[in-house]
Every structure is written in C-alpha cells, then in structure tokens.
PDB file of all heavy atoms in Angstrom:
ATOM      1  N   ILE A   1      91.426 119.045 115.699  1.00  0.00           N
ATOM      2  CA  ILE A   1      91.315 118.743 117.135  1.00  0.00           C
ATOM      3  C   ILE A   1      92.412 117.763 117.538  1.00  0.00           C
ATOM      4  O   ILE A   1      92.740 117.662 118.752  1.00  0.00           O
ATOM      5  CB  ILE A   1      89.871 118.083 117.463  1.00  0.00           C
ATOM      6  CG1 ILE A   1      89.592 118.138 118.931  1.00  0.00           C
ATOM      7  CG2 ILE A   1      89.780 116.681 116.913  1.00  0.00           C
ATOM      8  CD1 ILE A   1      89.452 119.523 119.493  1.00  0.00           C
ATOM      9  N   ASP A   2      92.956 116.985 116.630  1.00  0.00           N
ATOM     10  CA  ASP A   2      93.995 116.018 116.954  1.00  0.00           C
ATOM     11  C   ASP A   2      95.406 116.668 117.054  1.00  0.00           C
ATOM     12  O   ASP A   2      96.308 116.011 117.581  1.00  0.00           O
ATOM     13  CB  ASP A   2      94.111 114.925 115.815  1.00  0.00           C
ATOM     14  CG  ASP A   2      92.850 114.093 115.743  1.00  0.00           C
ATOM     15  OD1 ASP A   2      92.382 113.641 116.804  1.00  0.00           O
ATOM     16  OD2 ASP A   2      92.302 113.904 114.626  1.00  0.00           O
ATOM     17  N   ILE A   3      95.533 117.923 116.661  1.00  0.00           N
ATOM     18  CA  ILE A   3      96.866 118.534 116.613  1.00  0.00           C
ATOM     19  C   ILE A   3      97.516 118.663 117.989  1.00  0.00           C
ATOM     20  O   ILE A   3      98.654 118.224 118.147  1.00  0.00           O
ATOM     21  CB  ILE A   3      96.781 119.917 115.916  1.00  0.00           C
ATOM     22  CG1 ILE A   3      96.462 119.705 114.425  1.00  0.00           C
ATOM     23  CG2 ILE A   3      98.100 120.646 116.074  1.00  0.00           C
ATOM     24  CD1 ILE A   3      96.270 120.983 113.682  1.00  0.00           C
ATOM     25  N   PRO A   4      96.829 119.225 119.004  1.00  0.00           N
ATOM     26  CA  PRO A   4      97.512 119.344 120.334  1.00  0.00           C
ATOM     27  C   PRO A   4      97.959 118.017 120.879  1.00  0.00           C
ATOM     28  O   PRO A   4      99.036 117.927 121.470  1.00  0.00           O
ATOM     29  CB  PRO A   4      96.398 119.977 121.189  1.00  0.00           C
ATOM     30  CG  PRO A   4      95.531 120.706 120.261  1.00  0.00           C
ATOM     31  CD  PRO A   4      95.514 119.861 118.983  1.00  0.00           C
ATOM     32  N   ARG A   5      97.168 116.947 120.738  1.00  0.00           N
ATOM     33  CA  ARG A   5      97.547 115.656 121.281  1.00  0.00           C
ATOM     34  C   ARG A   5      98.781 115.121 120.543  1.00  0.00           C
ATOM     35  O   ARG A   5      99.655 114.559 121.193  1.00  0.00           O
ATOM     36  CB  ARG A   5      96.345 114.666 121.063  1.00  0.00           C
ATOM     37  CG  ARG A   5      96.674 113.247 121.401  1.00  0.00           C
ATOM     38  CD  ARG A   5      95.365 112.453 121.541  1.00  0.00           C
ATOM     39  NE  ARG A   5      94.448 112.683 120.422  1.00  0.00           N
ATOM     40  CZ  ARG A   5      94.493 112.018 119.300  1.00  0.00           C
ATOM     41  NH1 ARG A   5      95.397 111.038 119.142  1.00  0.00           N
ATOM     42  NH2 ARG A   5      93.663 112.286 118.318  1.00  0.00           N
ATOM     43  N   MET A   6      98.854 115.312 119.206  1.00  0.00           N
ATOM     44  CA  MET A   6      99.986 114.835 118.446  1.00  0.00           C
ATOM     45  C   MET A   6     101.267 115.615 118.758  1.00  0.00           C
ATOM     46  O   MET A   6     102.346 115.060 118.895  1.00  0.00           O
ATOM     47  CB  MET A   6      99.660 114.842 116.968  1.00  0.00           C
ATOM     48  CG  MET A   6      98.535 113.941 116.571  1.00  0.00           C
ATOM     49  SD  MET A   6      98.056 114.121 114.827  1.00  0.00           S
ATOM     50  CE  MET A   6      99.495 113.361 114.032  1.00  0.00           C
ATOM     51  N   VAL A   7     101.109 116.963 118.919  1.00  0.00           N
ATOM     52  CA  VAL A   7     102.272 117.799 119.279  1.00  0.00           C
ATOM     53  C   VAL A   7     102.755 117.388 120.658  1.00  0.00           C
ATOM     54  O   VAL A   7     104.013 117.283 120.882  1.00  0.00           O
ATOM     55  CB  VAL A   7     101.894 119.287 119.257  1.00  0.00           C
ATOM     56  CG1 VAL A   7     103.008 120.165 119.821  1.00  0.00           C
ATOM     57  CG2 VAL A   7     101.532 119.693 117.805  1.00  0.00           C
ATOM     58  N   ASP A   8     101.873 117.192 121.550  1.00  0.00           N
ATOM     59  CA  ASP A   8     102.238 116.824 122.950  1.00  0.00           C
ATOM     60  C   ASP A   8     103.050 115.498 122.979  1.00  0.00           C
ATOM     61  O   ASP A   8     104.063 115.367 123.615  1.00  0.00           O
ATOM     62  CB  ASP A   8     101.059 116.670 123.827  1.00  0.00           C
ATOM     63  CG  ASP A   8     101.397 116.236 125.243  1.00  0.00           C
ATOM     64  OD1 ASP A   8     102.085 117.026 125.918  1.00  0.00           O
ATOM     65  OD2 ASP A   8     100.953 115.176 125.671  1.00  0.00           O
ATOM     66  N   ARG A   9     102.608 114.549 122.140  1.00  0.00           N
ATOM     67  CA  ARG A   9     103.296 113.217 122.070  1.00  0.00           C
ATOM     68  C   ARG A   9     104.659 113.408 121.487  1.00  0.00           C
ATOM     69  O   ARG A   9     105.653 112.829 121.944  1.00  0.00           O
ATOM     70  CB  ARG A   9     102.474 112.259 121.321  1.00  0.00           C
ATOM     71  CG  ARG A   9     103.186 110.846 121.301  1.00  0.00           C
ATOM     72  CD  ARG A   9     102.383 109.808 120.559  1.00  0.00           C
ATOM     73  NE  ARG A   9     103.103 108.561 120.536  1.00  0.00           N
ATOM     74  CZ  ARG A   9     102.754 107.520 119.853  1.00  0.00           C
ATOM     75  NH1 ARG A   9     101.558 107.514 119.123  1.00  0.00           N
ATOM     76  NH2 ARG A   9     103.437 106.408 119.853  1.00  0.00           N
ATOM     77  N   LEU A  10     104.794 114.232 120.439  1.00  0.00           N
ATOM     78  CA  LEU A  10     106.039 114.454 119.735  1.00  0.00           C
ATOM     79  C   LEU A  10     107.101 114.963 120.731  1.00  0.00           C
ATOM     80  O   LEU A  10     108.240 114.487 120.822  1.00  0.00           O
ATOM     81  CB  LEU A  10     105.891 115.462 118.580  1.00  0.00           C
ATOM     82  CG  LEU A  10     107.172 115.779 117.819  1.00  0.00           C
ATOM     83  CD1 LEU A  10     107.313 114.851 116.611  1.00  0.00           C
ATOM     84  CD2 LEU A  10     107.145 117.256 117.328  1.00  0.00           C
ATOM     85  N   LEU A  11     106.686 115.977 121.483  1.00  0.00           N
ATOM     86  CA  LEU A  11     107.599 116.627 122.444  1.00  0.00           C
ATOM     87  C   LEU A  11     107.862 115.797 123.708  1.00  0.00           C
ATOM     88  O   LEU A  11     108.964 115.678 124.189  1.00  0.00           O
ATOM     89  CB  LEU A  11     107.089 117.959 122.811  1.00  0.00           C
ATOM     90  CG  LEU A  11     106.970 118.928 121.631  1.00  0.00           C
ATOM     91  CD1 LEU A  11     106.224 120.233 122.086  1.00  0.00           C
ATOM     92  CD2 LEU A  11     108.307 119.280 121.055  1.00  0.00           C
ATOM     93  N   ARG A  12     106.761 115.131 124.187  1.00  0.00           N
ATOM     94  CA  ARG A  12     106.902 114.363 125.402  1.00  0.00           C
ATOM     95  C   ARG A  12     107.769 113.158 125.225  1.00  0.00           C
ATOM     96  O   ARG A  12     108.572 112.811 126.132  1.00  0.00           O
ATOM     97  CB  ARG A  12     105.511 114.000 125.891  1.00  0.00           C
ATOM     98  CG  ARG A  12     105.455 113.115 127.112  1.00  0.00           C
ATOM     99  CD  ARG A  12     104.040 113.057 127.703  1.00  0.00           C
ATOM    100  NE  ARG A  12     103.011 112.992 126.681  1.00  0.00           N
ATOM    101  CZ  ARG A  12     102.653 111.867 126.046  1.00  0.00           C
ATOM    102  NH1 ARG A  12     103.173 110.734 126.345  1.00  0.00           N
ATOM    103  NH2 ARG A  12     101.690 111.923 125.091  1.00  0.00           N
ATOM    104  N   GLU A  13     107.661 112.494 124.064  1.00  0.00           N
ATOM    105  CA  GLU A  13     108.448 111.305 123.799  1.00  0.00           C
ATOM    106  C   GLU A  13     109.718 111.560 122.994  1.00  0.00           C
ATOM    107  O   GLU A  13     110.444 110.675 122.615  1.00  0.00           O
ATOM    108  CB  GLU A  13     107.583 110.284 123.065  1.00  0.00           C
ATOM    109  CG  GLU A  13     106.403 109.825 123.858  1.00  0.00           C
ATOM    110  CD  GLU A  13     105.577 108.735 123.148  1.00  0.00           C
ATOM    111  OE1 GLU A  13     106.103 108.164 122.161  1.00  0.00           O
ATOM    112  OE2 GLU A  13     104.430 108.455 123.533  1.00  0.00           O
ATOM    113  N   ASP A  14     110.008 112.873 122.734  1.00  0.00           N
ATOM    114  CA  ASP A  14     111.193 113.308 122.024  1.00  0.00           C
ATOM    115  C   ASP A  14     111.302 112.642 120.695  1.00  0.00           C
ATOM    116  O   ASP A  14     112.348 112.021 120.295  1.00  0.00           O
ATOM    117  CB  ASP A  14     112.440 113.020 122.869  1.00  0.00           C
ATOM    118  CG  ASP A  14     113.618 113.768 122.335  1.00  0.00           C
ATOM    119  OD1 ASP A  14     113.471 114.830 121.689  1.00  0.00           O
ATOM    120  OD2 ASP A  14     114.797 113.343 122.577  1.00  0.00           O
ATOM    121  N   LEU A  15     110.196 112.644 119.894  1.00  0.00           N
ATOM    122  CA  LEU A  15     110.167 112.060 118.562  1.00  0.00           C
ATOM    123  C   LEU A  15     110.472 113.077 117.514  1.00  0.00           C
ATOM    124  O   LEU A  15     110.493 114.285 117.775  1.00  0.00           O
ATOM    125  CB  LEU A  15     108.796 111.490 118.332  1.00  0.00           C
ATOM    126  CG  LEU A  15     108.330 110.405 119.324  1.00  0.00           C
ATOM    127  CD1 LEU A  15     106.873 110.041 119.101  1.00  0.00           C
ATOM    128  CD2 LEU A  15     109.178 109.121 119.194  1.00  0.00           C
ATOM    129  N   ASP A  16     110.707 112.618 116.289  1.00  0.00           N
ATOM    130  CA  ASP A  16     110.907 113.501 115.142  1.00  0.00           C
ATOM    131  C   ASP A  16     109.672 113.597 114.259  1.00  0.00           C
ATOM    132  O   ASP A  16     109.546 114.607 113.497  1.00  0.00           O
ATOM    133  CB  ASP A  16     112.103 113.066 114.318  1.00  0.00           C
ATOM    134  CG  ASP A  16     113.415 113.267 115.064  1.00  0.00           C
ATOM    135  OD1 ASP A  16     113.549 114.226 115.820  1.00  0.00           O
ATOM    136  OD2 ASP A  16     114.315 112.442 114.882  1.00  0.00           O
ATOM    137  N   LEU A  17     108.869 112.587 114.314  1.00  0.00           N
ATOM    138  CA  LEU A  17     107.598 112.638 113.531  1.00  0.00           C
ATOM    139  C   LEU A  17     106.539 111.807 114.179  1.00  0.00           C
ATOM    140  O   LEU A  17     106.816 110.704 114.732  1.00  0.00           O
ATOM    141  CB  LEU A  17     107.871 112.022 112.139  1.00  0.00           C
ATOM    142  CG  LEU A  17     106.673 111.617 111.267  1.00  0.00           C
ATOM    143  CD1 LEU A  17     105.764 112.803 110.964  1.00  0.00           C
ATOM    144  CD2 LEU A  17     107.105 110.853 110.040  1.00  0.00           C
ATOM    145  N   VAL A  18     105.316 112.373 114.266  1.00  0.00           N
ATOM    146  CA  VAL A  18     104.087 111.630 114.629  1.00  0.00           C
ATOM    147  C   VAL A  18     103.145 111.728 113.448  1.00  0.00           C
ATOM    148  O   VAL A  18     102.704 112.798 113.065  1.00  0.00           O
ATOM    149  CB  VAL A  18     103.436 112.218 115.883  1.00  0.00           C
ATOM    150  CG1 VAL A  18     102.168 111.483 116.200  1.00  0.00           C
ATOM    151  CG2 VAL A  18     104.443 112.136 117.105  1.00  0.00           C
ATOM    152  N   ALA A  19     102.891 110.581 112.792  1.00  0.00           N
ATOM    153  CA  ALA A  19     102.066 110.489 111.602  1.00  0.00           C
ATOM    154  C   ALA A  19     100.665 110.069 112.019  1.00  0.00           C
ATOM    155  O   ALA A  19     100.464 109.240 112.877  1.00  0.00           O
ATOM    156  CB  ALA A  19     102.682 109.543 110.638  1.00  0.00           C
ATOM    157  N   GLY A  20      99.697 110.678 111.354  1.00  0.00           N
ATOM    158  CA  GLY A  20      98.309 110.287 111.563  1.00  0.00           C
ATOM    159  C   GLY A  20      97.954 108.951 110.900  1.00  0.00           C
ATOM    160  O   GLY A  20      98.464 108.627 109.859  1.00  0.00           O
ATOM    161  N   TRP A  21      97.045 108.239 111.599  1.00  0.00           N
ATOM    162  CA  TRP A  21      96.565 106.989 111.078  1.00  0.00           C
ATOM    163  C   TRP A  21      95.015 107.028 111.055  1.00  0.00           C
ATOM    164  O   TRP A  21      94.385 107.045 112.049  1.00  0.00           O
ATOM    165  CB  TRP A  21      97.057 105.799 111.993  1.00  0.00           C
ATOM    166  CG  TRP A  21      96.440 104.445 111.633  1.00  0.00           C
ATOM    167  CD1 TRP A  21      95.822 104.181 110.480  1.00  0.00           C
ATOM    168  CD2 TRP A  21      96.438 103.316 112.433  1.00  0.00           C
ATOM    169  NE1 TRP A  21      95.384 102.809 110.509  1.00  0.00           N
ATOM    170  CE2 TRP A  21      95.788 102.304 111.706  1.00  0.00           C
ATOM    171  CE3 TRP A  21      96.919 103.003 113.710  1.00  0.00           C
ATOM    172  CZ2 TRP A  21      95.579 100.996 112.238  1.00  0.00           C
ATOM    173  CZ3 TRP A  21      96.727 101.767 114.229  1.00  0.00           C
ATOM    174  CH2 TRP A  21      96.029 100.744 113.513  1.00  0.00           C
ATOM    175  N   ARG A  22      94.483 107.084 109.826  1.00  0.00           N
ATOM    176  CA  ARG A  22      93.019 107.142 109.630  1.00  0.00           C
ATOM    177  C   ARG A  22      92.473 105.721 109.774  1.00  0.00           C
ATOM    178  O   ARG A  22      92.097 105.117 108.739  1.00  0.00           O
ATOM    179  CB  ARG A  22      92.711 107.750 108.263  1.00  0.00           C
ATOM    180  CG  ARG A  22      93.209 109.184 108.077  1.00  0.00           C
ATOM    181  CD  ARG A  22      93.178 109.600 106.600  1.00  0.00           C
ATOM    182  NE  ARG A  22      94.078 108.827 105.787  1.00  0.00           N
ATOM    183  CZ  ARG A  22      94.278 109.006 104.485  1.00  0.00           C
ATOM    184  NH1 ARG A  22      93.631 109.961 103.871  1.00  0.00           N
ATOM    185  NH2 ARG A  22      95.134 108.267 103.856  1.00  0.00           N
ATOM    186  N   ARG A  23      92.392 105.226 110.970  1.00  0.00           N
ATOM    187  CA  ARG A  23      91.954 103.817 111.144  1.00  0.00           C
ATOM    188  C   ARG A  23      90.501 103.624 110.670  1.00  0.00           C
ATOM    189  O   ARG A  23      90.118 102.627 110.116  1.00  0.00           O
ATOM    190  CB  ARG A  23      92.136 103.425 112.598  1.00  0.00           C
ATOM    191  CG  ARG A  23      91.836 101.933 112.813  1.00  0.00           C
ATOM    192  CD  ARG A  23      92.423 101.521 114.158  1.00  0.00           C
ATOM    193  NE  ARG A  23      91.948 102.283 115.277  1.00  0.00           N
ATOM    194  CZ  ARG A  23      92.399 102.054 116.523  1.00  0.00           C
ATOM    195  NH1 ARG A  23      93.375 101.170 116.797  1.00  0.00           N
ATOM    196  NH2 ARG A  23      91.931 102.845 117.529  1.00  0.00           N
ATOM    197  N   ASP A  24      89.655 104.655 110.981  1.00  0.00           N
ATOM    198  CA  ASP A  24      88.309 104.597 110.534  1.00  0.00           C
ATOM    199  C   ASP A  24      88.129 105.571 109.397  1.00  0.00           C
ATOM    200  O   ASP A  24      87.516 106.664 109.547  1.00  0.00           O
ATOM    201  CB  ASP A  24      87.355 104.938 111.686  1.00  0.00           C
ATOM    202  CG  ASP A  24      85.856 104.749 111.313  1.00  0.00           C
ATOM    203  OD1 ASP A  24      85.596 104.074 110.326  1.00  0.00           O
ATOM    204  OD2 ASP A  24      85.000 105.382 112.026  1.00  0.00           O
ATOM    205  N   ARG A  25      88.609 105.253 108.231  1.00  0.00           N
ATOM    206  CA  ARG A  25      88.662 106.177 107.115  1.00  0.00           C
ATOM    207  C   ARG A  25      87.319 106.317 106.427  1.00  0.00           C
ATOM    208  O   ARG A  25      86.633 105.287 106.133  1.00  0.00           O
ATOM    209  CB  ARG A  25      89.740 105.645 106.086  1.00  0.00           C
ATOM    210  CG  ARG A  25      89.942 106.616 104.941  1.00  0.00           C
ATOM    211  CD  ARG A  25      91.112 106.199 104.088  1.00  0.00           C
ATOM    212  NE  ARG A  25      91.313 107.093 102.970  1.00  0.00           N
ATOM    213  CZ  ARG A  25      92.283 106.959 102.061  1.00  0.00           C
ATOM    214  NH1 ARG A  25      93.147 105.977 102.235  1.00  0.00           N
ATOM    215  NH2 ARG A  25      92.353 107.803 101.061  1.00  0.00           N
ATOM    216  N   LYS A  26      86.893 107.569 106.204  1.00  0.00           N
ATOM    217  CA  LYS A  26      85.566 107.851 105.569  1.00  0.00           C
ATOM    218  C   LYS A  26      85.712 108.137 104.076  1.00  0.00           C
ATOM    219  O   LYS A  26      85.357 109.272 103.594  1.00  0.00           O
ATOM    220  CB  LYS A  26      84.950 109.037 106.319  1.00  0.00           C
ATOM    221  CG  LYS A  26      84.891 108.923 107.803  1.00  0.00           C
ATOM    222  CD  LYS A  26      83.973 107.799 108.249  1.00  0.00           C
ATOM    223  CE  LYS A  26      83.873 107.739 109.778  1.00  0.00           C
ATOM    224  NZ  LYS A  26      83.084 106.593 110.223  1.00  0.00           N
ATOM    225  N   ASP A  27      86.199 107.174 103.312  1.00  0.00           N
ATOM    226  CA  ASP A  27      86.314 107.325 101.883  1.00  0.00           C
ATOM    227  C   ASP A  27      85.705 106.096 101.196  1.00  0.00           C
ATOM    228  O   ASP A  27      85.540 105.081 101.843  1.00  0.00           O
ATOM    229  CB  ASP A  27      87.807 107.445 101.419  1.00  0.00           C
ATOM    230  CG  ASP A  27      88.361 108.866 101.742  1.00  0.00           C
ATOM    231  OD1 ASP A  27      87.631 109.854 101.547  1.00  0.00           O
ATOM    232  OD2 ASP A  27      89.528 108.913 102.221  1.00  0.00           O
ATOM    233  N   ASN A  28      85.452 106.257  99.874  1.00  0.00           N
ATOM    234  CA  ASN A  28      84.925 105.119  99.142  1.00  0.00           C
ATOM    235  C   ASN A  28      86.059 104.162  98.723  1.00  0.00           C
ATOM    236  O   ASN A  28      87.213 104.446  98.902  1.00  0.00           O
ATOM    237  CB  ASN A  28      84.164 105.593  97.909  1.00  0.00           C
ATOM    238  CG  ASN A  28      84.987 106.455  97.003  1.00  0.00           C
ATOM    239  OD1 ASN A  28      86.186 106.238  96.790  1.00  0.00           O
ATOM    240  ND2 ASN A  28      84.355 107.502  96.390  1.00  0.00           N
ATOM    241  N   TRP A  29      85.627 103.046  98.247  1.00  0.00           N
ATOM    242  CA  TRP A  29      86.632 101.944  97.877  1.00  0.00           C
ATOM    243  C   TRP A  29      87.647 102.401  96.746  1.00  0.00           C
ATOM    244  O   TRP A  29      88.758 101.915  96.738  1.00  0.00           O
ATOM    245  CB  TRP A  29      85.920 100.711  97.425  1.00  0.00           C
ATOM    246  CG  TRP A  29      85.208 100.858  96.103  1.00  0.00           C
ATOM    247  CD1 TRP A  29      83.954 101.254  95.879  1.00  0.00           C
ATOM    248  CD2 TRP A  29      85.764 100.543  94.869  1.00  0.00           C
ATOM    249  NE1 TRP A  29      83.638 101.266  94.545  1.00  0.00           N
ATOM    250  CE2 TRP A  29      84.734 100.830  93.868  1.00  0.00           C
ATOM    251  CE3 TRP A  29      87.014 100.121  94.416  1.00  0.00           C
ATOM    252  CZ2 TRP A  29      84.959 100.715  92.489  1.00  0.00           C
ATOM    253  CZ3 TRP A  29      87.215  99.960  93.007  1.00  0.00           C
ATOM    254  CH2 TRP A  29      86.188 100.236  92.115  1.00  0.00           C
ATOM    255  N   VAL A  30      87.208 103.319  95.933  1.00  0.00           N
ATOM    256  CA  VAL A  30      88.122 103.792  94.821  1.00  0.00           C
ATOM    257  C   VAL A  30      89.368 104.405  95.415  1.00  0.00           C
ATOM    258  O   VAL A  30      90.417 104.329  94.845  1.00  0.00           O
ATOM    259  CB  VAL A  30      87.369 104.799  93.886  1.00  0.00           C
ATOM    260  CG1 VAL A  30      88.321 105.387  92.893  1.00  0.00           C
ATOM    261  CG2 VAL A  30      86.194 104.130  93.276  1.00  0.00           C
TER     262      VAL A  30
END
C-alpha cells in the first residue's frame, strides 16, 4: 500500500531513491 506514495514522492521531488523507514517495527529484540 506504501508503493504508490513512495513512487509519487520519487518522481515529484526528482529523487533517485526513496527508502522505507519501519519506524514502528513489528519484530522481536533478536
């Protein structure tokens, strides 16, 4: 679901990379 928003930002701001940030990461401490 995040793909269209990230693609739009890449093209709109003329970037070369938009990287995802899992700020609320759902993994264990390991």
